[in-house]
Protein backbone atom coordinates (compact mmCIF):
# COMPACT_ATOMS: atom_id res chain seq x y z
CA MET A 1 190.70 116.64 44.75
CA LYS A 2 193.21 119.35 43.89
CA GLY A 3 195.54 118.09 46.60
CA ALA A 4 195.27 114.51 45.32
CA LEU A 5 196.12 115.60 41.78
CA ARG A 6 199.12 117.59 43.02
CA MET A 7 200.32 114.51 44.90
CA ARG A 8 200.01 112.46 41.72
CA GLU A 9 201.97 115.08 39.79
CA HIS A 10 204.78 114.89 42.37
CA MET A 11 204.79 111.10 41.98
CA VAL A 12 205.07 111.39 38.19
CA ASN A 13 207.88 113.95 38.46
CA ALA A 14 209.70 111.68 40.92
CA ARG A 15 209.24 108.78 38.44
CA CYS A 16 207.25 106.95 41.10
CA PRO A 17 204.73 104.68 39.34
CA CYS A 18 201.08 105.07 40.33
CA SER A 19 199.34 101.88 41.31
CA ASN A 20 195.88 100.86 40.12
CA ILE A 21 194.57 101.75 43.57
CA THR A 22 195.91 105.32 43.29
CA ILE A 23 194.45 105.83 39.81
CA ASN A 24 191.10 104.34 40.80
CA VAL A 25 190.93 106.62 43.83
CA LEU A 26 191.48 109.64 41.55
CA ILE A 27 188.84 108.40 39.09
CA HIS A 28 186.43 107.99 41.99
CA GLY A 29 187.21 111.56 43.09
CA PHE A 30 186.42 112.97 39.64
CA CYS A 31 183.13 111.04 39.49
CA LYS A 32 182.14 112.02 43.03
CA GLU A 33 182.45 115.70 42.07
CA GLY A 34 180.43 115.13 38.89
CA ARG A 35 183.46 115.65 36.64
CA ILE A 36 182.75 112.58 34.54
CA GLU A 37 184.34 113.91 31.33
CA GLU A 38 187.59 114.57 33.18
CA ALA A 39 187.40 111.07 34.66
CA LEU A 40 187.06 109.52 31.19
CA CYS A 41 189.94 111.61 29.82
CA PHE A 42 192.06 110.63 32.82
CA VAL A 43 191.37 106.93 32.16
CA GLN A 44 192.36 107.37 28.51
CA GLU A 45 195.53 109.24 29.47
CA THR A 46 196.64 106.70 32.09
CA SER A 47 195.76 103.77 29.80
CA GLN A 48 198.28 105.11 27.28
CA GLN A 49 200.82 105.03 30.11
CA GLY A 50 200.15 101.37 30.84
CA PHE A 51 197.19 101.50 33.21
CA LEU A 52 194.76 98.60 32.75
CA PRO A 53 191.21 99.46 33.86
CA ASP A 54 189.80 96.85 36.20
CA LYS A 55 186.36 96.02 37.54
CA PHE A 56 186.55 98.79 40.14
CA THR A 57 187.41 101.32 37.40
CA TYR A 58 184.45 100.36 35.24
CA ASN A 59 182.04 100.23 38.17
CA THR A 60 183.13 103.71 39.23
CA LEU A 61 182.70 105.10 35.70
CA ILE A 62 179.32 103.43 35.17
CA ASN A 63 178.13 104.83 38.50
CA GLY A 64 179.42 108.30 37.56
CA LEU A 65 177.80 108.18 34.10
CA CYS A 66 174.48 107.09 35.59
CA LYS A 67 174.48 109.84 38.21
CA ALA A 68 175.25 112.37 35.46
CA GLY A 69 172.28 111.04 33.47
CA HIS A 70 174.37 109.48 30.70
CA VAL A 71 172.70 106.06 30.82
CA LYS A 72 173.31 105.36 27.15
CA HIS A 73 177.06 105.77 27.64
CA ALA A 74 176.89 103.61 30.78
CA LEU A 75 175.25 100.81 28.76
CA GLU A 76 177.93 101.19 26.09
CA MET A 77 180.58 100.83 28.77
CA LEU A 78 178.83 97.68 29.99
CA GLU A 79 179.18 96.22 26.48
CA LEU A 80 182.85 97.24 26.43
CA MET A 81 183.41 95.41 29.71
CA LEU A 82 181.83 92.28 28.24
CA GLN A 83 183.97 92.50 25.10
CA GLU A 84 187.11 92.78 27.20
CA GLY A 85 186.05 89.78 29.26
CA SER A 86 185.63 91.73 32.49
CA ASP A 87 183.93 89.91 35.32
CA LEU A 88 180.76 91.94 35.89
CA ASP A 89 179.46 91.82 39.44
CA VAL A 90 176.07 92.51 40.96
CA PHE A 91 177.12 96.08 41.86
CA THR A 92 177.62 96.93 38.17
CA TYR A 93 174.18 95.68 37.23
CA ASN A 94 172.48 97.21 40.27
CA THR A 95 173.94 100.62 39.43
CA LEU A 96 172.48 100.50 35.91
CA ILE A 97 169.14 99.11 37.03
CA SER A 98 168.79 101.77 39.73
CA CYS A 99 169.55 104.57 37.27
CA LEU A 100 167.10 103.25 34.66
CA CYS A 101 164.37 102.93 37.29
CA LYS A 102 164.93 106.49 38.53
CA MET A 103 164.48 107.68 34.94
CA GLY A 104 161.23 105.73 34.65
CA LYS A 105 162.72 103.25 32.18
CA VAL A 106 161.63 100.14 34.04
CA GLU A 107 161.28 98.04 30.87
CA GLU A 108 164.96 98.66 30.07
CA ALA A 109 165.84 97.86 33.69
CA ILE A 110 164.09 94.49 33.32
CA GLU A 111 166.10 93.89 30.12
CA VAL A 112 169.33 94.48 32.07
CA LEU A 113 168.05 92.02 34.70
CA GLY A 114 167.44 89.46 31.94
CA HIS A 115 170.94 90.07 30.60
CA MET A 116 172.27 89.51 34.10
CA LEU A 117 170.44 86.19 34.48
CA SER A 118 171.55 84.99 31.04
CA ARG A 119 175.18 85.39 32.14
CA ASP A 120 174.57 83.38 35.31
CA ARG A 121 174.99 86.43 37.52
CA SER A 122 172.83 86.13 40.64
CA PRO A 123 170.71 89.20 41.38
CA ASN A 124 170.40 90.09 45.04
CA THR A 125 167.53 91.53 47.02
CA VAL A 126 168.61 95.08 46.12
CA THR A 127 168.28 94.24 42.42
CA TYR A 128 164.74 92.98 42.76
CA ASN A 129 163.63 95.61 45.26
CA THR A 130 164.68 98.42 42.92
CA ILE A 131 162.57 97.06 40.07
CA ILE A 132 159.64 95.96 42.25
CA SER A 133 159.44 99.38 43.91
CA THR A 134 159.43 101.14 40.52
CA LEU A 135 156.77 98.81 39.09
CA CYS A 136 154.53 99.46 42.10
CA LYS A 137 154.96 103.23 41.77
CA GLU A 138 153.90 102.93 38.13
CA ASN A 139 150.78 100.96 39.16
CA GLN A 140 152.11 97.69 37.72
CA VAL A 141 151.48 95.76 40.93
CA GLN A 142 150.70 92.46 39.21
CA GLU A 143 154.02 92.52 37.34
CA ALA A 144 155.80 93.42 40.58
CA THR A 145 154.14 90.50 42.39
CA GLU A 146 155.18 88.07 39.65
CA LEU A 147 158.76 89.33 39.88
CA ALA A 148 158.68 88.78 43.65
CA ARG A 149 157.62 85.16 43.06
CA ILE A 150 160.58 84.72 40.70
CA LEU A 151 162.80 86.19 43.42
CA ALA A 152 161.66 83.50 45.86
CA SER A 153 162.11 80.70 43.29
CA GLN A 154 165.68 81.91 42.69
CA GLY A 155 166.40 81.48 46.38
CA VAL A 156 166.57 85.22 47.07
CA LEU A 157 164.32 85.79 50.06
CA PRO A 158 162.19 88.94 49.94
CA ASP A 159 162.95 91.37 52.74
CA VAL A 160 160.86 94.03 54.46
CA CYS A 161 161.53 96.51 51.60
CA THR A 162 160.16 94.02 49.07
CA PHE A 163 156.98 93.46 51.05
CA ASN A 164 156.56 97.17 51.78
CA SER A 165 156.74 98.08 48.09
CA LEU A 166 154.13 95.46 47.21
CA ILE A 167 151.83 96.36 50.12
CA GLN A 168 152.05 100.05 49.25
CA GLY A 169 151.25 99.31 45.60
CA LEU A 170 148.26 97.19 46.58
CA CYS A 171 146.96 99.85 49.00
CA LEU A 172 147.27 102.56 46.34
CA SER A 173 145.45 100.27 43.89
CA ASN A 174 142.63 99.90 46.44
CA LYS A 175 143.35 96.17 46.85
CA TYR A 176 143.31 96.19 50.62
CA SER A 177 142.31 92.54 51.13
CA VAL A 178 145.23 91.36 48.96
CA ALA A 179 147.54 93.71 50.89
CA MET A 180 146.43 92.14 54.18
CA GLU A 181 146.99 88.63 52.78
CA LEU A 182 150.52 89.64 51.82
CA PHE A 183 150.99 91.19 55.28
CA ARG A 184 150.07 87.85 56.88
CA GLU A 185 152.33 85.96 54.46
CA MET A 186 155.15 88.34 55.35
CA LYS A 187 154.88 87.47 59.04
CA GLU A 188 154.52 83.74 58.34
CA LYS A 189 157.81 83.81 56.41
CA GLY A 190 159.58 85.37 59.37
CA CYS A 191 159.92 88.85 57.87
CA LYS A 192 159.18 91.39 60.61
CA PRO A 193 157.01 94.36 59.55
CA ASP A 194 158.40 97.81 60.32
CA GLU A 195 156.66 101.11 61.08
CA PHE A 196 156.35 101.84 57.35
CA THR A 197 154.40 98.60 56.83
CA TYR A 198 151.99 99.34 59.66
CA ASN A 199 151.58 103.02 58.73
CA MET A 200 150.54 102.14 55.18
CA LEU A 201 147.95 99.61 56.32
CA ILE A 202 146.61 101.89 59.07
CA ASP A 203 146.22 104.69 56.53
CA CYS A 204 144.39 102.36 54.14
CA LEU A 205 142.03 101.19 56.89
CA CYS A 206 141.31 104.75 58.06
CA ASN A 207 140.49 105.83 54.51
CA LYS A 208 137.99 102.98 54.32
CA GLY A 209 136.45 103.92 57.67
CA ARG A 210 137.59 100.67 59.30
CA ILE A 211 138.83 102.41 62.43
CA ASP A 212 138.58 99.44 64.81
CA GLU A 213 140.85 97.37 62.56
CA ALA A 214 143.30 100.28 62.40
CA LEU A 215 143.40 100.32 66.20
CA ASP A 216 144.01 96.57 66.23
CA LEU A 217 147.08 97.16 64.06
CA LEU A 218 148.27 99.87 66.46
CA LYS A 219 147.98 97.38 69.34
CA GLU A 220 149.89 94.83 67.29
CA MET A 221 152.64 97.41 66.73
CA GLU A 222 152.89 98.02 70.46
CA LEU A 223 152.97 94.31 71.33
CA SER A 224 155.63 93.57 68.71
CA GLY A 225 157.82 96.42 69.93
CA CYS A 226 157.60 98.25 66.60
CA ALA A 227 158.29 101.96 66.99
CA ARG A 228 155.31 104.29 66.53
CA ASN A 229 156.05 107.69 65.05
CA ALA A 230 154.13 110.90 64.40
CA ILE A 231 152.92 109.55 61.06
CA THR A 232 151.28 106.58 62.82
CA TYR A 233 149.37 108.74 65.28
CA ASN A 234 148.59 111.54 62.78
CA THR A 235 147.04 109.00 60.43
CA LEU A 236 144.80 107.69 63.21
CA ILE A 237 143.82 111.19 64.40
CA ASP A 238 142.92 112.21 60.86
CA GLY A 239 141.00 108.97 60.34
CA PHE A 240 139.03 109.38 63.58
CA CYS A 241 138.19 113.01 62.77
CA LYS A 242 137.02 112.16 59.26
CA ASN A 243 134.80 109.45 60.74
CA ASN A 244 133.41 111.89 63.33
CA LYS A 245 135.03 110.15 66.32
CA ILE A 246 136.55 113.22 67.95
CA GLU A 247 136.87 111.79 71.47
CA ALA A 248 138.87 108.85 70.12
CA ALA A 249 141.06 111.30 68.19
CA GLU A 250 141.70 113.23 71.40
CA GLU A 251 142.69 110.01 73.17
CA ILE A 252 145.26 109.30 70.46
CA PHE A 253 146.46 112.91 70.76
CA ASP A 254 146.99 112.44 74.51
CA ARG A 255 148.65 109.06 73.96
CA MET A 256 151.31 110.73 71.79
CA GLU A 257 152.55 112.69 74.80
CA LEU A 258 152.56 109.58 77.00
CA GLN A 259 154.57 107.68 74.37
CA GLY A 260 157.03 110.57 73.98
CA VAL A 261 156.13 111.16 70.33
CA SER A 262 156.42 114.82 69.30
CA ARG A 263 153.30 116.40 67.87
CA ASN A 264 153.76 118.37 64.67
CA GLN A 265 151.76 120.77 62.51
CA VAL A 266 149.84 117.93 60.89
CA THR A 267 148.78 116.62 64.31
CA TYR A 268 147.30 119.93 65.39
CA ASN A 269 145.71 120.78 62.05
CA SER A 270 143.96 117.40 61.83
CA LEU A 271 142.47 117.67 65.32
CA ILE A 272 141.50 121.33 65.02
CA ASP A 273 139.85 120.57 61.68
CA GLY A 274 137.90 117.74 63.29
CA LEU A 275 136.83 119.89 66.23
CA SER A 276 135.72 122.78 64.02
CA LYS A 277 133.58 120.47 61.88
CA SER A 278 131.92 118.48 64.62
CA LYS A 279 131.72 121.02 67.44
CA VAL A 280 131.57 124.33 65.64
CA ALA A 281 129.87 126.30 68.40
CA GLU A 282 132.22 125.09 71.12
CA THR A 283 135.29 125.74 69.00
CA ALA A 284 134.05 129.22 68.10
CA GLN A 285 133.45 130.06 71.77
CA LEU A 286 136.88 128.79 72.65
CA ILE A 287 138.62 130.85 69.97
CA ASP A 288 136.56 133.90 70.94
CA GLN A 289 137.92 133.70 74.50
CA MET A 290 141.44 133.04 73.33
CA ILE A 291 141.53 136.07 71.05
CA MET A 292 139.69 138.48 73.32
CA GLU A 293 141.35 137.52 76.61
CA GLY A 294 144.50 135.70 75.64
CA LEU A 295 143.68 133.24 78.42
CA ARG A 296 142.94 129.53 78.54
CA PRO A 297 139.17 129.05 78.79
CA ASP A 298 138.16 127.66 82.16
CA LYS A 299 135.17 125.78 80.78
CA ALA A 300 135.25 122.05 81.33
CA GLY A 301 135.16 119.21 78.85
CA ASP A 302 135.78 119.46 75.15
CA ILE A 303 136.20 123.25 75.05
CA LYS A 304 139.09 123.13 77.51
CA LYS A 305 140.69 120.26 75.59
CA ALA A 306 140.42 122.18 72.34
CA ALA A 307 141.90 125.27 74.00
CA ASN A 308 144.84 123.24 75.25
CA ILE A 309 145.42 121.90 71.76
CA VAL A 310 145.50 125.31 70.08
CA GLN A 311 147.45 127.06 72.82
CA SER A 312 150.04 124.29 73.15
CA MET A 313 151.02 124.62 69.50
CA SER A 314 153.26 127.63 70.03
CA ALA A 315 154.56 126.24 73.34
CA ASN A 316 155.72 123.11 71.51
CA GLY A 317 157.45 125.15 68.83
CA CYS A 318 154.66 124.38 66.38
CA GLU A 319 153.39 127.84 65.43
CA PRO A 320 149.95 127.72 63.79
CA ASP A 321 150.16 128.17 60.02
CA ILE A 322 147.71 129.47 57.42
CA VAL A 323 146.04 126.04 57.22
CA THR A 324 145.32 126.11 60.96
CA TYR A 325 144.01 129.67 60.86
CA ARG A 326 141.93 129.00 57.76
CA THR A 327 140.22 126.10 59.55
CA LEU A 328 139.54 128.27 62.61
CA ILE A 329 138.15 131.12 60.49
CA GLN A 330 135.81 128.74 58.67
CA GLY A 331 134.63 127.31 61.99
CA LEU A 332 133.96 130.77 63.43
CA CYS A 333 132.03 131.89 60.36
CA LYS A 334 129.88 128.75 60.38
CA ALA A 335 129.06 129.49 64.02
CA GLY A 336 128.07 133.05 63.13
CA ARG A 337 131.05 134.62 64.95
CA VAL A 338 132.14 136.76 62.00
CA GLY A 339 133.41 139.56 64.29
CA VAL A 340 135.82 137.19 66.02
CA ALA A 341 136.84 135.74 62.66
CA SER A 342 137.69 139.27 61.44
CA LYS A 343 139.82 139.89 64.55
CA LEU A 344 141.60 136.61 63.95
CA LEU A 345 142.28 137.70 60.36
CA ARG A 346 143.89 140.90 61.65
CA SER A 347 146.04 138.99 64.15
CA ILE A 348 147.27 136.75 61.34
CA GLN A 349 148.21 139.80 59.27
CA MET A 350 150.15 141.24 62.20
CA LYS A 351 152.19 138.02 62.37
CA GLY A 352 153.25 138.57 58.77
CA ILE A 353 151.52 135.44 57.45
CA VAL A 354 150.49 135.80 53.81
CA LEU A 355 146.73 135.42 53.62
CA THR A 356 145.01 133.44 50.89
CA THR A 357 141.53 133.65 49.41
CA HIS A 358 140.58 130.70 51.64
CA ALA A 359 141.00 132.97 54.68
CA TYR A 360 139.04 135.91 53.21
CA ASN A 361 136.19 134.13 51.41
CA PRO A 362 134.39 132.69 54.50
CA ILE A 363 134.41 136.10 56.23
CA ILE A 364 133.16 137.93 53.13
CA GLN A 365 130.36 135.39 52.72
CA ALA A 366 129.40 135.62 56.42
CA LEU A 367 129.37 139.44 56.26
CA PHE A 368 126.92 139.44 53.35
CA LYS A 369 124.64 137.06 55.29
CA LYS A 370 124.70 139.50 58.22
CA LYS A 371 123.95 142.44 55.89
CA GLY A 372 127.46 143.81 56.28
CA SER A 373 127.93 144.43 52.56
CA LYS A 374 130.14 147.52 52.94
CA GLU A 375 132.64 145.65 55.12
CA ALA A 376 132.44 142.65 52.77
CA ILE A 377 133.31 144.80 49.75
CA ARG A 378 136.08 146.52 51.72
CA LEU A 379 137.61 143.12 52.56
CA PHE A 380 137.31 142.05 48.92
CA ARG A 381 139.23 145.16 47.80
CA GLU A 382 141.78 144.58 50.56
CA MET A 383 142.27 141.05 49.27
CA GLU A 384 142.96 142.47 45.79
CA GLU A 385 145.62 144.81 47.18
CA LYS A 386 147.32 142.76 49.92
CA SER A 387 146.67 139.09 49.25
CA ASN A 388 146.53 136.65 46.41
CA PRO A 389 144.14 137.79 43.65
CA PRO A 390 140.49 136.91 44.33
CA ASP A 391 139.50 133.57 42.83
CA ALA A 392 136.30 132.35 41.15
CA ILE A 393 134.74 131.62 44.55
CA SER A 394 135.51 135.17 45.76
CA TYR A 395 133.72 136.72 42.76
CA LYS A 396 130.83 134.28 43.10
CA ILE A 397 130.34 135.21 46.78
CA VAL A 398 130.45 138.98 46.20
CA PHE A 399 128.21 138.92 43.12
CA ARG A 400 125.64 136.73 44.85
CA GLY A 401 125.76 138.99 47.92
CA LEU A 402 125.21 142.15 45.88
CA CYS A 403 122.40 140.59 43.82
CA SER A 404 120.65 139.38 46.99
CA GLY A 405 120.06 142.93 48.17
CA GLY A 406 123.49 143.48 49.66
CA GLY A 407 123.88 146.92 48.10
CA PRO A 408 122.59 149.37 45.47
CA ILE A 409 121.61 147.64 42.22
CA GLN A 410 124.09 149.72 40.22
CA GLU A 411 126.90 148.34 42.37
CA ALA A 412 125.85 144.80 41.38
CA VAL A 413 125.76 145.84 37.70
CA ASP A 414 129.22 147.41 37.90
CA PHE A 415 130.58 144.32 39.63
CA ALA A 416 129.12 142.07 36.91
CA PHE A 417 131.01 144.08 34.28
CA GLU A 418 134.16 143.99 36.42
CA MET A 419 134.18 140.24 36.98
CA THR A 420 133.51 139.38 33.34
CA LEU A 421 136.36 141.65 32.25
CA LYS A 422 138.60 139.58 34.52
CA GLY A 423 137.41 136.32 32.97
CA TYR A 424 134.79 135.24 35.52
CA ILE A 425 131.30 134.59 34.14
CA PRO A 426 128.50 135.37 36.62
CA GLU A 427 126.59 132.51 38.20
CA PHE A 428 123.24 132.39 36.42
CA SER A 429 121.03 132.18 39.54
CA SER A 430 122.54 135.44 40.81
CA PHE A 431 122.45 137.02 37.34
CA TYR A 432 118.73 136.19 37.09
CA MET A 433 118.03 137.96 40.40
CA LEU A 434 119.86 141.03 39.10
CA ALA A 435 117.94 140.91 35.81
CA GLU A 436 114.61 140.78 37.66
CA GLY A 437 115.65 143.78 39.73
CA LEU A 438 116.64 145.77 36.64
CA CYS A 439 113.33 144.99 34.93
CA SER A 440 111.33 145.99 38.01
CA LEU A 441 113.16 149.35 38.01
CA SER A 442 112.60 149.82 34.25
CA MET A 443 116.36 149.54 33.61
CA GLU A 444 115.97 147.28 30.57
CA ASP A 445 118.64 149.20 28.62
CA THR A 446 121.19 148.34 31.32
CA LEU A 447 120.09 144.70 31.22
CA VAL A 448 120.56 144.56 27.43
CA LYS A 449 124.11 145.96 27.73
CA LEU A 450 124.88 143.47 30.49
CA ILE A 451 123.58 140.50 28.48
CA GLU A 452 125.59 141.60 25.42
CA HIS A 453 128.70 141.95 27.59
CA VAL A 454 128.30 138.50 29.19
CA ILE A 455 127.70 136.61 25.94
CA THR A 456 130.71 138.34 24.36
CA LYS A 457 133.06 137.54 27.23
CA ALA A 458 131.74 133.98 27.57
CA LYS A 459 132.61 133.43 23.89
CA PHE A 460 129.23 132.10 22.86
CA SER A 461 128.90 130.77 19.32
CA ASP A 462 127.26 132.94 16.65
CA SER A 463 124.13 130.80 16.71
CA GLU A 464 123.91 131.08 20.53
CA VAL A 465 124.31 134.88 20.39
CA SER A 466 121.71 135.13 17.62
CA MET A 467 119.22 133.04 19.60
CA ILE A 468 119.53 135.23 22.72
CA MET A 469 119.59 138.58 20.93
CA ARG A 470 116.48 137.66 18.91
CA PHE A 471 114.51 137.57 22.18
CA VAL A 472 116.23 140.71 23.50
CA LYS A 473 115.28 142.77 20.42
CA ILE A 474 111.59 142.00 20.89
CA GLN A 475 111.97 142.57 24.67
CA LYS A 476 111.14 138.99 25.62
CA PHE A 477 113.63 139.11 28.45
CA GLN A 478 112.33 136.02 30.25
CA ASP A 479 112.92 133.93 27.12
CA ALA A 480 116.34 135.56 26.60
CA LEU A 481 117.34 134.76 30.18
CA ALA A 482 116.04 131.19 29.97
CA THR A 483 118.14 130.62 26.84
CA LEU A 484 121.16 132.27 28.46
CA GLY A 485 120.76 130.02 31.50
CA LYS A 486 120.61 126.84 29.42
CA ILE A 487 123.75 127.79 27.49
CA LEU A 488 125.67 128.75 30.63
CA ASP A 489 124.60 125.54 32.35
CA LYS A 490 125.65 123.49 29.32
CA GLY A 491 129.04 125.20 29.23
CA LYS A 492 129.83 125.12 32.97
CA PRO A 493 133.06 123.08 32.63
CA ARG A 494 134.51 125.58 30.18
CA ARG A 495 132.90 128.83 31.26
CA GLY A 496 132.97 130.51 34.61
CA TYR A 497 132.59 128.46 37.76
CA GLN A 498 130.02 126.20 39.30
């Protein structure tokens, strides 16, 4: 841009007049760099020297103003063009409509469309597609459909983008049958569906559990020569796994390689998640071997397939992420392989991956079930120091574990005070177990302090506090606890966790 301005300065000094083309190129340069104010000043300066802005000038400025977010000024410039008798073209209107839609001002965009029609300017498919797409995104599918009908009556044939916007809107609105009708109409009118069309419908079918119909659409894609991409296959794999059809998911996984479609992180995570849910024991055994031996398991069938899936991730440049590991840890813990899960946790740490509570919580819970309370507490403290702060689920797991005989009763009491100070109200079923233990050990004074602490931190109303403390003062602890439980249960959405 600097070079262009220097060239123009040389032309002025040499008394060589600049043509409209030269000036418009410079205006375009200013706008392209986001220097809209300089562009406007330049137009004003050159106009005083005899330059007459033309349609290209105004279109460039309107486009620049819109991109800079100055829609109001762009609309004012549109009015100026009309006053000066400029011949507005479809590009001018499309620029404004696109900008208004991006800002979520679809009603104003429709007004500009109406203005366009009133001046006998013919909108094109881009005009309608911009508005239809925005209406669908804002869940105004009926209005978008009506606009599409107007499009057809005006002689502007809807294209694949038009149909895709409408089909997507209908799928998101859970109107699958209408979406399929439109899909059939699309083909009848000679508009060829693309991969985006098929992917949306396949996803919708999978979410509804209509897997066979989703496969029929995949076959139709293949027969029509429509390209299948990772999204197509990932959607099917996820759908099969969610519907407990793991073998079919594995077939799709294998088909990806045959079709030359690269598998990505989503592909692996979906299949591993499906395997861990439906074949927990096999997956746990597989991971055990992988971690302990670093070798591919030589067992036949599903275990070997699962091993190949996990091990091929790194080979394909698709390093397992925290989502993958979290799924594996959960699967191991469900299978009772907490030792292997702990080793996997360490290997993740060594890779420098930041661990989340979702990785720690299943292991902590499994350790308490196996009476490994010391290791569970150690992991909880490690999570506080090295990971994200423990969440409501973390505190719930530890408190329940301690109250279920997972450690000395004083440790459970101390933890109850700790969690309430951090804003987490104890789960009542666990709190009741602790209260019973305190009463059996004649530690009523500790129980009273604990109840007072909980009702203070839970921000009970004065009447609620009075009701509970009335029972506490006369040592009717069962009644006090029953009242406490009712209040906590009533206030679950706003207090503690469920």
